[in-house]
Amino acid sequence: MLYLQQSPKGAGGLLKSLDLNHLTVFTKIVESGNLTRTAHVLGVPKSKVSRILSQLERDLGVQLIHRTTRHLQLTDMGQRFYEKCQGPLAGLEAAAAHLRENTDDIQGRIRLTAAQDLGSTLLPGPIDEFSRRYPKIQFQVILSQESLNLVQESIDIAIRVGELKDSRFKAHKIADVSLILVASPRYLETHAPLATLSDLEKAPCLGFEALKGRGWVFRNGKEKRSFKIEPAVMTNNPEFNLKLALKGRGVALLPDYICRESLQSGSLVHLFKNWKGDRVPVSLVFPYQKQMPVHVRKFADFLLSRLKTDLSS
């Protein structure tokens, strides 16, 4: 319990106890900006979150948040209280983390997000291995082609592909991923031969929204060539193009990690091996916080090491 001394009238004042869980829920509400989202993150009913906020306001004797049907907005007192809560709560969490630091009995929930293709390909192995060592860890994995707001969605770890533009977050680069040109043996048997890169301009290609308008760019050492393609299919999901390429639907420019098993099995053929598409950085991204919870930090360190190996091999 945290005890707050209040002196509303005269000397002496009143000691009123505050439940630390209520303070934690309050900070989560502020950070997520939504009662429903807070309830989802904490794994409790929305009605309970609302009751806790109301009880905290009664205990303090002030309104912390203005509520409307669609929005929550901190009052001036609520903003000040939130700023004062952050330090003590972070300190308590750090103290608890210190006690658990050298034990294997870590526990907690980790929310992480990644693009659909990257997450479904690269995350199951590390999560399985880490869960076997730390069975009390719970994972919530959100696979989305959209870049979710880490603070509002209470995301602990995000895997981002491409150049990072938001400096508000901590980031650790994992590796650079190469885009490679692939097609299935079925495609190569039934379509005009691809003797040179220029033949791509006449071939049915599987396009990717992120490259729309740029064409396909290839490099061989210092030499660079670019081609305007007419996609037979356009999508925002590389995994979708992989499946179409395996069916012989067209030529695809895909991240090398997503093609690895298909290339090893012979289901896909790596075309023009000396020519590589753009190299794209992959990074781990975290919301800024002074003290990362020990269970999140341990998994982040483990994931960084594993992905560096997986993406570099």
C-alpha atoms as a PDB file:
ATOM      1  CA  MET A   1       0.000   0.000   0.000  1.00  0.00           C
ATOM      2  CA  LEU A   2       1.029   3.596  -0.630  1.00  0.00           C
ATOM      3  CA  TYR A   3      -0.027   6.137   1.977  1.00  0.00           C
ATOM      4  CA  LEU A   4      -0.839   9.686   0.945  1.00  0.00           C
ATOM      5  CA  GLN A   5      -1.115  12.390   3.578  1.00  0.00           C
ATOM      6  CA  GLN A   6      -3.869  14.896   2.868  1.00  0.00           C
ATOM      7  CA  SER A   7      -4.481  18.107   4.771  1.00  0.00           C
ATOM      8  CA  PRO A   8      -7.639  19.599   3.325  1.00  0.00           C
ATOM      9  CA  LYS A   9      -8.483  21.639   6.416  1.00  0.00           C
ATOM     10  CA  GLY A  10      -6.313  22.934   9.185  1.00  0.00           C
ATOM     11  CA  ALA A  11      -3.383  21.159  10.762  1.00  0.00           C
ATOM     12  CA  GLY A  12      -3.054  17.457  11.334  1.00  0.00           C
ATOM     13  CA  GLY A  13      -4.641  16.281   8.095  1.00  0.00           C
ATOM     14  CA  LEU A  14      -5.838  12.819   7.183  1.00  0.00           C
ATOM     15  CA  LEU A  15      -3.968   9.641   6.246  1.00  0.00           C
ATOM     16  CA  LYS A  16      -5.742   7.882   3.411  1.00  0.00           C
ATOM     17  CA  SER A  17      -4.532   4.623   1.925  1.00  0.00           C
ATOM     18  CA  LEU A  18      -4.278   4.130  -1.817  1.00  0.00           C
ATOM     19  CA  ASP A  19      -4.139   0.735  -3.493  1.00  0.00           C
ATOM     20  CA  LEU A  20      -1.036   0.495  -5.687  1.00  0.00           C
ATOM     21  CA  ASN A  21      -3.019  -1.607  -8.144  1.00  0.00           C
ATOM     22  CA  HIS A  22      -5.359   1.353  -8.617  1.00  0.00           C
ATOM     23  CA  LEU A  23      -2.420   3.613  -9.395  1.00  0.00           C
ATOM     24  CA  THR A  24      -1.109   1.103 -11.915  1.00  0.00           C
ATOM     25  CA  VAL A  25      -4.510   0.871 -13.612  1.00  0.00           C
ATOM     26  CA  PHE A  26      -4.700   4.676 -13.737  1.00  0.00           C
ATOM     27  CA  THR A  27      -1.316   4.943 -15.498  1.00  0.00           C
ATOM     28  CA  LYS A  28      -2.358   2.223 -17.951  1.00  0.00           C
ATOM     29  CA  ILE A  29      -5.553   4.146 -18.751  1.00  0.00           C
ATOM     30  CA  VAL A  30      -3.544   7.288 -19.457  1.00  0.00           C
ATOM     31  CA  GLU A  31      -1.021   5.456 -21.629  1.00  0.00           C
ATOM     32  CA  SER A  32      -3.598   3.499 -23.630  1.00  0.00           C
ATOM     33  CA  GLY A  33      -6.083   6.377 -23.841  1.00  0.00           C
ATOM     34  CA  ASN A  34      -9.017   3.996 -23.688  1.00  0.00           C
ATOM     35  CA  LEU A  35     -10.832   2.000 -20.976  1.00  0.00           C
ATOM     36  CA  THR A  36     -11.598  -0.870 -23.342  1.00  0.00           C
ATOM     37  CA  ARG A  37      -7.976  -1.159 -24.458  1.00  0.00           C
ATOM     38  CA  THR A  38      -6.777  -0.978 -20.846  1.00  0.00           C
ATOM     39  CA  ALA A  39      -9.146  -3.779 -19.860  1.00  0.00           C
ATOM     40  CA  HIS A  40      -7.882  -5.904 -22.754  1.00  0.00           C
ATOM     41  CA  VAL A  41      -4.237  -5.322 -21.837  1.00  0.00           C
ATOM     42  CA  LEU A  42      -4.798  -6.095 -18.157  1.00  0.00           C
ATOM     43  CA  GLY A  43      -7.106  -9.025 -18.849  1.00  0.00           C
ATOM     44  CA  VAL A  44     -10.008  -7.700 -16.743  1.00  0.00           C
ATOM     45  CA  PRO A  45     -13.557  -6.523 -17.554  1.00  0.00           C
ATOM     46  CA  LYS A  46     -13.960  -2.924 -18.688  1.00  0.00           C
ATOM     47  CA  SER A  47     -16.440  -2.368 -15.852  1.00  0.00           C
ATOM     48  CA  LYS A  48     -13.711  -3.198 -13.321  1.00  0.00           C
ATOM     49  CA  VAL A  49     -11.325  -0.671 -14.870  1.00  0.00           C
ATOM     50  CA  SER A  50     -14.038   1.976 -14.693  1.00  0.00           C
ATOM     51  CA  ARG A  51     -14.807   1.144 -11.039  1.00  0.00           C
ATOM     52  CA  ILE A  52     -11.117   1.344 -10.095  1.00  0.00           C
ATOM     53  CA  LEU A  53     -10.784   4.772 -11.717  1.00  0.00           C
ATOM     54  CA  SER A  54     -13.885   6.037  -9.928  1.00  0.00           C
ATOM     55  CA  GLN A  55     -12.682   4.647  -6.597  1.00  0.00           C
ATOM     56  CA  LEU A  56      -9.272   6.272  -7.026  1.00  0.00           C
ATOM     57  CA  GLU A  57     -10.904   9.627  -7.748  1.00  0.00           C
ATOM     58  CA  ARG A  58     -13.067   9.256  -4.620  1.00  0.00           C
ATOM     59  CA  ASP A  59     -10.012   8.381  -2.519  1.00  0.00           C
ATOM     60  CA  LEU A  60      -8.152  11.430  -3.796  1.00  0.00           C
ATOM     61  CA  GLY A  61     -11.141  13.756  -3.766  1.00  0.00           C
ATOM     62  CA  VAL A  62     -10.412  15.063  -7.271  1.00  0.00           C
ATOM     63  CA  GLN A  63     -11.440  14.248 -10.819  1.00  0.00           C
ATOM     64  CA  LEU A  64      -8.489  12.808 -12.730  1.00  0.00           C
ATOM     65  CA  ILE A  65     -10.025  12.174 -16.149  1.00  0.00           C
ATOM     66  CA  HIS A  66     -12.831  13.791 -18.139  1.00  0.00           C
ATOM     67  CA  ARG A  67     -14.936  11.023 -19.709  1.00  0.00           C
ATOM     68  CA  THR A  68     -17.021  11.348 -22.880  1.00  0.00           C
ATOM     69  CA  THR A  69     -18.593   8.636 -24.999  1.00  0.00           C
ATOM     70  CA  ARG A  70     -15.543   8.524 -27.262  1.00  0.00           C
ATOM     71  CA  HIS A  71     -12.605  10.157 -25.527  1.00  0.00           C
ATOM     72  CA  LEU A  72     -10.748  10.354 -22.245  1.00  0.00           C
ATOM     73  CA  GLN A  73      -8.879  13.525 -21.349  1.00  0.00           C
ATOM     74  CA  LEU A  74      -6.737  14.180 -18.287  1.00  0.00           C
ATOM     75  CA  THR A  75      -7.722  17.051 -16.051  1.00  0.00           C
ATOM     76  CA  ASP A  76      -4.951  19.400 -14.921  1.00  0.00           C
ATOM     77  CA  MET A  77      -4.836  17.594 -11.580  1.00  0.00           C
ATOM     78  CA  GLY A  78      -4.896  14.261 -13.393  1.00  0.00           C
ATOM     79  CA  GLN A  79      -1.911  15.252 -15.521  1.00  0.00           C
ATOM     80  CA  ARG A  80       0.086  16.309 -12.456  1.00  0.00           C
ATOM     81  CA  PHE A  81      -0.858  13.151 -10.590  1.00  0.00           C
ATOM     82  CA  TYR A  82       0.139  10.957 -13.553  1.00  0.00           C
ATOM     83  CA  GLU A  83       3.551  12.641 -13.723  1.00  0.00           C
ATOM     84  CA  LYS A  84       4.059  12.116  -9.968  1.00  0.00           C
ATOM     85  CA  CYS A  85       3.001   8.452 -10.190  1.00  0.00           C
ATOM     86  CA  GLN A  86       5.460   7.486 -12.906  1.00  0.00           C
ATOM     87  CA  GLY A  87       8.600   7.820 -10.786  1.00  0.00           C
ATOM     88  CA  PRO A  88       7.462   5.880  -7.688  1.00  0.00           C
ATOM     89  CA  LEU A  89       5.805   3.111  -9.702  1.00  0.00           C
ATOM     90  CA  ALA A  90       8.878   2.727 -11.910  1.00  0.00           C
ATOM     91  CA  GLY A  91      11.026   2.596  -8.761  1.00  0.00           C
ATOM     92  CA  LEU A  92       8.896  -0.123  -7.201  1.00  0.00           C
ATOM     93  CA  GLU A  93       8.938  -2.120 -10.418  1.00  0.00           C
ATOM     94  CA  ALA A  94      12.710  -1.752 -10.598  1.00  0.00           C
ATOM     95  CA  ALA A  95      13.032  -2.957  -6.995  1.00  0.00           C
ATOM     96  CA  ALA A  96      10.896  -6.005  -7.720  1.00  0.00           C
ATOM     97  CA  ALA A  97      12.870  -6.661 -10.898  1.00  0.00           C
ATOM     98  CA  HIS A  98      16.107  -6.506  -8.910  1.00  0.00           C
ATOM     99  CA  LEU A  99      14.847  -9.188  -6.522  1.00  0.00           C
ATOM    100  CA  ARG A 100      13.953 -11.454  -9.447  1.00  0.00           C
ATOM    101  CA  GLU A 101      17.002 -10.619 -11.509  1.00  0.00           C
ATOM    102  CA  ASN A 102      19.020 -13.681 -10.617  1.00  0.00           C
ATOM    103  CA  THR A 103      16.183 -16.180 -10.461  1.00  0.00           C
ATOM    104  CA  ASP A 104      14.619 -18.283 -13.194  1.00  0.00           C
ATOM    105  CA  ASP A 105      11.167 -17.760 -11.680  1.00  0.00           C
ATOM    106  CA  ILE A 106      10.317 -14.733 -13.805  1.00  0.00           C
ATOM    107  CA  GLN A 107       6.739 -14.213 -14.837  1.00  0.00           C
ATOM    108  CA  GLY A 108       4.512 -11.685 -16.524  1.00  0.00           C
ATOM    109  CA  ARG A 109       2.851 -10.879 -19.805  1.00  0.00           C
ATOM    110  CA  ILE A 110       4.663  -9.702 -22.939  1.00  0.00           C
ATOM    111  CA  ARG A 111       2.803  -7.991 -25.764  1.00  0.00           C
ATOM    112  CA  LEU A 112       4.669  -7.876 -29.038  1.00  0.00           C
ATOM    113  CA  THR A 113       3.816  -6.995 -32.600  1.00  0.00           C
ATOM    114  CA  ALA A 114       5.311  -7.681 -36.012  1.00  0.00           C
ATOM    115  CA  ALA A 115       4.311  -7.763 -39.655  1.00  0.00           C
ATOM    116  CA  GLN A 116       2.303 -10.853 -40.594  1.00  0.00           C
ATOM    117  CA  ASP A 117       4.945 -12.516 -42.765  1.00  0.00           C
ATOM    118  CA  LEU A 118       7.912 -11.791 -40.513  1.00  0.00           C
ATOM    119  CA  GLY A 119       6.096 -12.679 -37.294  1.00  0.00           C
ATOM    120  CA  SER A 120       4.625 -15.965 -38.505  1.00  0.00           C
ATOM    121  CA  THR A 121       8.004 -17.014 -39.947  1.00  0.00           C
ATOM    122  CA  LEU A 122      10.447 -15.909 -37.254  1.00  0.00           C
ATOM    123  CA  LEU A 123       8.611 -15.654 -33.919  1.00  0.00           C
ATOM    124  CA  PRO A 124       7.233 -19.157 -33.177  1.00  0.00           C
ATOM    125  CA  GLY A 125      10.698 -20.670 -32.599  1.00  0.00           C
ATOM    126  CA  PRO A 126      12.029 -18.050 -30.137  1.00  0.00           C
ATOM    127  CA  ILE A 127       8.706 -17.880 -28.257  1.00  0.00           C
ATOM    128  CA  ASP A 128       8.571 -21.670 -27.925  1.00  0.00           C
ATOM    129  CA  GLU A 129      12.163 -21.873 -26.700  1.00  0.00           C
ATOM    130  CA  PHE A 130      11.794 -19.008 -24.214  1.00  0.00           C
ATOM    131  CA  SER A 131       8.481 -20.381 -22.906  1.00  0.00           C
ATOM    132  CA  ARG A 132      10.084 -23.743 -22.151  1.00  0.00           C
ATOM    133  CA  ARG A 133      12.656 -22.032 -19.969  1.00  0.00           C
ATOM    134  CA  TYR A 134      10.227 -19.564 -18.381  1.00  0.00           C
ATOM    135  CA  PRO A 135       6.797 -21.258 -18.364  1.00  0.00           C
ATOM    136  CA  LYS A 136       5.149 -18.484 -16.324  1.00  0.00           C
ATOM    137  CA  ILE A 137       5.575 -15.958 -19.144  1.00  0.00           C
ATOM    138  CA  GLN A 138       2.421 -15.211 -21.141  1.00  0.00           C
ATOM    139  CA  PHE A 139       2.679 -13.888 -24.702  1.00  0.00           C
ATOM    140  CA  GLN A 140       0.222 -11.777 -26.653  1.00  0.00           C
ATOM    141  CA  VAL A 141       1.350 -11.611 -30.282  1.00  0.00           C
ATOM    142  CA  ILE A 142      -0.297  -9.123 -32.658  1.00  0.00           C
ATOM    143  CA  LEU A 143       0.550  -9.690 -36.327  1.00  0.00           C
ATOM    144  CA  SER A 144      -0.379  -6.704 -38.455  1.00  0.00           C
ATOM    145  CA  GLN A 145       0.850  -4.950 -41.572  1.00  0.00           C
ATOM    146  CA  GLU A 146       0.069  -1.659 -39.800  1.00  0.00           C
ATOM    147  CA  SER A 147       2.552   0.008 -37.443  1.00  0.00           C
ATOM    148  CA  LEU A 148       0.600  -0.047 -34.193  1.00  0.00           C
ATOM    149  CA  ASN A 149       0.981   2.742 -31.645  1.00  0.00           C
ATOM    150  CA  LEU A 150       3.179   1.128 -29.001  1.00  0.00           C
ATOM    151  CA  VAL A 151       1.999   3.349 -26.147  1.00  0.00           C
ATOM    152  CA  GLN A 152      -1.727   3.274 -26.883  1.00  0.00           C
ATOM    153  CA  GLU A 153      -1.691  -0.481 -27.504  1.00  0.00           C
ATOM    154  CA  SER A 154       0.587  -1.165 -24.502  1.00  0.00           C
ATOM    155  CA  ILE A 155       3.084  -2.990 -26.711  1.00  0.00           C
ATOM    156  CA  ASP A 156       6.303  -4.090 -25.013  1.00  0.00           C
ATOM    157  CA  ILE A 157       8.279  -5.063 -28.118  1.00  0.00           C
ATOM    158  CA  ALA A 158       7.777  -4.391 -31.820  1.00  0.00           C
ATOM    159  CA  ILE A 159       9.692  -5.755 -34.785  1.00  0.00           C
ATOM    160  CA  ARG A 160       9.824  -3.077 -37.455  1.00  0.00           C
ATOM    161  CA  VAL A 161      10.915  -3.476 -41.073  1.00  0.00           C
ATOM    162  CA  GLY A 162      12.344  -0.436 -42.860  1.00  0.00           C
ATOM    163  CA  GLU A 163      13.852   2.861 -41.796  1.00  0.00           C
ATOM    164  CA  LEU A 164      12.618   4.094 -38.407  1.00  0.00           C
ATOM    165  CA  LYS A 165      11.165   7.590 -38.419  1.00  0.00           C
ATOM    166  CA  ASP A 166       9.880   7.962 -34.845  1.00  0.00           C
ATOM    167  CA  SER A 167      12.644   8.998 -32.443  1.00  0.00           C
ATOM    168  CA  ARG A 168      10.402   8.670 -29.360  1.00  0.00           C
ATOM    169  CA  PHE A 169      11.183   4.963 -29.077  1.00  0.00           C
ATOM    170  CA  LYS A 170      14.275   2.935 -28.262  1.00  0.00           C
ATOM    171  CA  ALA A 171      15.488   0.735 -31.089  1.00  0.00           C
ATOM    172  CA  HIS A 172      18.102  -1.955 -31.686  1.00  0.00           C
ATOM    173  CA  LYS A 173      18.911  -2.908 -35.259  1.00  0.00           C
ATOM    174  CA  ILE A 174      18.846  -6.671 -35.798  1.00  0.00           C
ATOM    175  CA  ALA A 175      20.051  -7.061 -39.388  1.00  0.00           C
ATOM    176  CA  ASP A 176      19.572  -5.985 -42.974  1.00  0.00           C
ATOM    177  CA  VAL A 177      17.288  -8.217 -45.017  1.00  0.00           C
ATOM    178  CA  SER A 178      17.863  -8.660 -48.757  1.00  0.00           C
ATOM    179  CA  LEU A 179      15.080  -8.816 -51.312  1.00  0.00           C
ATOM    180  CA  ILE A 180      15.687 -11.614 -53.817  1.00  0.00           C
ATOM    181  CA  LEU A 181      14.047 -12.588 -57.092  1.00  0.00           C
ATOM    182  CA  VAL A 182      12.345 -16.013 -57.136  1.00  0.00           C
ATOM    183  CA  ALA A 183      10.056 -18.162 -59.254  1.00  0.00           C
ATOM    184  CA  SER A 184       8.831 -21.747 -59.108  1.00  0.00           C
ATOM    185  CA  PRO A 185      10.072 -24.535 -61.420  1.00  0.00           C
ATOM    186  CA  ARG A 186       6.498 -24.759 -62.757  1.00  0.00           C
ATOM    187  CA  TYR A 187       6.603 -21.102 -63.765  1.00  0.00           C
ATOM    188  CA  LEU A 188      10.002 -21.462 -65.449  1.00  0.00           C
ATOM    189  CA  GLU A 189       8.794 -24.493 -67.439  1.00  0.00           C
ATOM    190  CA  THR A 190       5.628 -22.834 -68.759  1.00  0.00           C
ATOM    191  CA  HIS A 191       6.702 -19.235 -69.461  1.00  0.00           C
ATOM    192  CA  ALA A 192       9.166 -17.452 -71.674  1.00  0.00           C
ATOM    193  CA  PRO A 193      12.720 -17.851 -70.371  1.00  0.00           C
ATOM    194  CA  LEU A 194      14.260 -15.149 -68.210  1.00  0.00           C
ATOM    195  CA  ALA A 195      17.622 -14.751 -69.854  1.00  0.00           C
ATOM    196  CA  THR A 196      18.367 -11.238 -68.557  1.00  0.00           C
ATOM    197  CA  LEU A 197      16.929  -8.862 -65.973  1.00  0.00           C
ATOM    198  CA  SER A 198      15.308  -6.885 -68.773  1.00  0.00           C
ATOM    199  CA  ASP A 199      12.971  -9.836 -69.423  1.00  0.00           C
ATOM    200  CA  LEU A 200      11.196  -8.954 -66.162  1.00  0.00           C
ATOM    201  CA  GLU A 201       9.429  -6.117 -67.960  1.00  0.00           C
ATOM    202  CA  LYS A 202       7.479  -8.680 -70.003  1.00  0.00           C
ATOM    203  CA  ALA A 203       6.980 -11.279 -67.268  1.00  0.00           C
ATOM    204  CA  PRO A 204       3.958 -11.591 -64.951  1.00  0.00           C
ATOM    205  CA  CYS A 205       5.277 -10.209 -61.662  1.00  0.00           C
ATOM    206  CA  LEU A 206       3.842 -10.312 -58.153  1.00  0.00           C
ATOM    207  CA  GLY A 207       3.887  -6.762 -56.818  1.00  0.00           C
ATOM    208  CA  PHE A 208       4.205  -5.452 -53.279  1.00  0.00           C
ATOM    209  CA  GLU A 209       2.419  -2.276 -52.169  1.00  0.00           C
ATOM    210  CA  ALA A 210       5.460  -0.923 -50.300  1.00  0.00           C
ATOM    211  CA  LEU A 211       7.404  -0.857 -53.596  1.00  0.00           C
ATOM    212  CA  LYS A 212       4.548   0.600 -55.649  1.00  0.00           C
ATOM    213  CA  GLY A 213       5.674   3.441 -57.878  1.00  0.00           C
ATOM    214  CA  ARG A 214       9.382   2.707 -57.341  1.00  0.00           C
ATOM    215  CA  GLY A 215       9.761  -0.219 -59.648  1.00  0.00           C
ATOM    216  CA  TRP A 216      12.139  -3.058 -58.833  1.00  0.00           C
ATOM    217  CA  VAL A 217      15.707  -1.997 -58.116  1.00  0.00           C
ATOM    218  CA  PHE A 218      18.673  -4.393 -58.259  1.00  0.00           C
ATOM    219  CA  ARG A 219      22.349  -4.022 -57.412  1.00  0.00           C
ATOM    220  CA  ASN A 220      25.370  -6.051 -58.378  1.00  0.00           C
ATOM    221  CA  GLY A 221      28.298  -4.473 -56.569  1.00  0.00           C
ATOM    222  CA  LYS A 222      28.349  -0.854 -57.706  1.00  0.00           C
ATOM    223  CA  GLU A 223      26.132  -1.520 -60.714  1.00  0.00           C
ATOM    224  CA  LYS A 224      22.457  -0.611 -60.330  1.00  0.00           C
ATOM    225  CA  ARG A 225      19.466  -1.333 -62.545  1.00  0.00           C
ATOM    226  CA  SER A 226      15.771  -0.580 -62.115  1.00  0.00           C
ATOM    227  CA  PHE A 227      12.711  -1.882 -63.933  1.00  0.00           C
ATOM    228  CA  LYS A 228       9.122  -0.758 -64.152  1.00  0.00           C
ATOM    229  CA  ILE A 229       6.947  -3.817 -63.798  1.00  0.00           C
ATOM    230  CA  GLU A 230       3.273  -4.422 -64.503  1.00  0.00           C
ATOM    231  CA  PRO A 231       2.085  -6.555 -61.556  1.00  0.00           C
ATOM    232  CA  ALA A 232      -0.185  -9.471 -62.330  1.00  0.00           C
ATOM    233  CA  VAL A 233      -1.161  -9.293 -58.633  1.00  0.00           C
ATOM    234  CA  MET A 234      -0.559  -6.528 -56.089  1.00  0.00           C
ATOM    235  CA  THR A 235      -0.684  -7.130 -52.324  1.00  0.00           C
ATOM    236  CA  ASN A 236       0.584  -5.674 -49.037  1.00  0.00           C
ATOM    237  CA  ASN A 237       1.629  -9.081 -47.689  1.00  0.00           C
ATOM    238  CA  PRO A 238       4.857 -10.796 -48.870  1.00  0.00           C
ATOM    239  CA  GLU A 239       3.613 -14.138 -47.542  1.00  0.00           C
ATOM    240  CA  PHE A 240       0.684 -13.949 -49.959  1.00  0.00           C
ATOM    241  CA  ASN A 241       3.078 -13.416 -52.870  1.00  0.00           C
ATOM    242  CA  LEU A 242       5.183 -16.340 -51.666  1.00  0.00           C
ATOM    243  CA  LYS A 243       2.178 -18.655 -51.903  1.00  0.00           C
ATOM    244  CA  LEU A 244       1.330 -17.377 -55.391  1.00  0.00           C
ATOM    245  CA  ALA A 245       4.946 -17.810 -56.497  1.00  0.00           C
ATOM    246  CA  LEU A 246       4.893 -21.410 -55.258  1.00  0.00           C
ATOM    247  CA  LYS A 247       1.803 -22.008 -57.425  1.00  0.00           C
ATOM    248  CA  GLY A 248       3.658 -20.712 -60.486  1.00  0.00           C
ATOM    249  CA  ARG A 249       1.577 -17.540 -60.776  1.00  0.00           C
ATOM    250  CA  GLY A 250       4.532 -15.230 -61.419  1.00  0.00           C
ATOM    251  CA  VAL A 251       7.947 -13.887 -60.498  1.00  0.00           C
ATOM    252  CA  ALA A 252       8.264 -12.419 -56.990  1.00  0.00           C
ATOM    253  CA  LEU A 253      10.716 -10.105 -55.233  1.00  0.00           C
ATOM    254  CA  LEU A 254      10.660 -11.319 -51.630  1.00  0.00           C
ATOM    255  CA  PRO A 255      12.643 -11.025 -48.368  1.00  0.00           C
ATOM    256  CA  ASP A 256      15.244 -13.777 -48.300  1.00  0.00           C
ATOM    257  CA  TYR A 257      14.150 -15.119 -44.884  1.00  0.00           C
ATOM    258  CA  ILE A 258      10.640 -15.902 -46.114  1.00  0.00           C
ATOM    259  CA  CYS A 259      11.971 -17.938 -49.067  1.00  0.00           C
ATOM    260  CA  ARG A 260      14.616 -19.964 -47.236  1.00  0.00           C
ATOM    261  CA  GLU A 261      12.715 -23.248 -46.781  1.00  0.00           C
ATOM    262  CA  SER A 262      11.234 -23.134 -50.283  1.00  0.00           C
ATOM    263  CA  LEU A 263      14.657 -22.586 -51.827  1.00  0.00           C
ATOM    264  CA  GLN A 264      16.147 -25.459 -49.820  1.00  0.00           C
ATOM    265  CA  SER A 265      13.356 -27.815 -50.878  1.00  0.00           C
ATOM    266  CA  GLY A 266      13.551 -26.760 -54.532  1.00  0.00           C
ATOM    267  CA  SER A 267       9.999 -25.380 -54.535  1.00  0.00           C
ATOM    268  CA  LEU A 268      11.435 -22.015 -55.575  1.00  0.00           C
ATOM    269  CA  VAL A 269      14.433 -21.042 -57.684  1.00  0.00           C
ATOM    270  CA  HIS A 270      16.640 -18.042 -56.850  1.00  0.00           C
ATOM    271  CA  LEU A 271      16.949 -16.048 -60.098  1.00  0.00           C
ATOM    272  CA  PHE A 272      19.903 -13.861 -61.042  1.00  0.00           C
ATOM    273  CA  LYS A 273      21.785 -14.575 -57.817  1.00  0.00           C
ATOM    274  CA  ASN A 274      24.381 -11.888 -58.458  1.00  0.00           C
ATOM    275  CA  TRP A 275      21.666  -9.239 -58.427  1.00  0.00           C
ATOM    276  CA  LYS A 276      20.052  -8.292 -55.095  1.00  0.00           C
ATOM    277  CA  GLY A 277      17.103  -6.055 -54.415  1.00  0.00           C
ATOM    278  CA  ASP A 278      17.193  -3.314 -51.807  1.00  0.00           C
ATOM    279  CA  ARG A 279      18.506  -4.197 -48.354  1.00  0.00           C
ATOM    280  CA  VAL A 280      15.895  -3.413 -45.707  1.00  0.00           C
ATOM    281  CA  PRO A 281      16.742  -2.937 -42.005  1.00  0.00           C
ATOM    282  CA  VAL A 282      14.874  -4.934 -39.356  1.00  0.00           C
ATOM    283  CA  SER A 283      14.833  -3.556 -35.792  1.00  0.00           C
ATOM    284  CA  LEU A 284      13.477  -4.284 -32.325  1.00  0.00           C
ATOM    285  CA  VAL A 285      11.603  -1.246 -31.037  1.00  0.00           C
ATOM    286  CA  PHE A 286      10.497  -0.485 -27.460  1.00  0.00           C
ATOM    287  CA  PRO A 287       8.462   2.279 -25.834  1.00  0.00           C
ATOM    288  CA  TYR A 288      10.758   4.572 -23.887  1.00  0.00           C
ATOM    289  CA  GLN A 289      10.873   3.714 -20.189  1.00  0.00           C
ATOM    290  CA  LYS A 290      13.559   4.201 -17.590  1.00  0.00           C
ATOM    291  CA  GLN A 291      13.373   0.633 -16.275  1.00  0.00           C
ATOM    292  CA  MET A 292      12.221  -2.142 -18.565  1.00  0.00           C
ATOM    293  CA  PRO A 293      10.500  -4.969 -16.644  1.00  0.00           C
ATOM    294  CA  VAL A 294      12.913  -7.847 -16.124  1.00  0.00           C
ATOM    295  CA  HIS A 295      10.796 -10.409 -18.001  1.00  0.00           C
ATOM    296  CA  VAL A 296      10.504  -8.098 -21.015  1.00  0.00           C
ATOM    297  CA  ARG A 297      14.224  -7.300 -20.996  1.00  0.00           C
ATOM    298  CA  LYS A 298      15.215 -10.968 -20.767  1.00  0.00           C
ATOM    299  CA  PHE A 299      13.018 -11.862 -23.724  1.00  0.00           C
ATOM    300  CA  ALA A 300      14.171  -8.810 -25.701  1.00  0.00           C
ATOM    301  CA  ASP A 301      17.830  -9.801 -25.235  1.00  0.00           C
ATOM    302  CA  PHE A 302      17.032 -13.407 -26.160  1.00  0.00           C
ATOM    303  CA  LEU A 303      14.978 -12.391 -29.211  1.00  0.00           C
ATOM    304  CA  LEU A 304      17.637  -9.963 -30.436  1.00  0.00           C
ATOM    305  CA  SER A 305      20.284 -12.708 -30.317  1.00  0.00           C
ATOM    306  CA  ARG A 306      18.051 -15.308 -31.988  1.00  0.00           C
ATOM    307  CA  LEU A 307      16.865 -13.042 -34.791  1.00  0.00           C
ATOM    308  CA  LYS A 308      20.371 -11.845 -35.555  1.00  0.00           C
ATOM    309  CA  THR A 309      21.304 -15.489 -36.126  1.00  0.00           C
ATOM    310  CA  ASP A 310      18.134 -16.365 -38.038  1.00  0.00           C
ATOM    311  CA  LEU A 311      18.249 -13.337 -40.333  1.00  0.00           C
ATOM    312  CA  SER A 312      21.971 -13.571 -41.007  1.00  0.00           C
ATOM    313  CA  SER A 313      22.119 -17.301 -41.802  1.00  0.00           C
END
